[in-house]
């Protein structure tokens, strides 16, 4: 039952219904007469969603083909940074590391010839 509840809310958020989810969570806390930590948790989640609703336009992001999970960003960091900077025996000063990473970013973005 809990999994289904969460799944439904996630799908509604992905469809751009963040405000409705917030309203529903607040109503649930009242109608179910939640008390103590349960009430505090539900209201904290609702408040978080409300504060961040402008950044939670997942329906728009998905339509535009934007990634909405952290996997692509983490993969890019690994490919750009870790694979180059953490090789055995390498030591870097901050200015040199930044210079190498800038050059690597240009190379990996396939804009090296324009650079």
Foldseek 3Di string as FASTA:
>chain_A
DVVVVVVVLVVCLLLLNLVVSLVVLLVCCVVVVDDDPVSVVSNVVSVVSVVCSVVSRNVVCVVVVHDDDCVVVVVVCCVQQVVPQVDPPDDDDVVVSVVSSVQSVCVVVVNNVVD
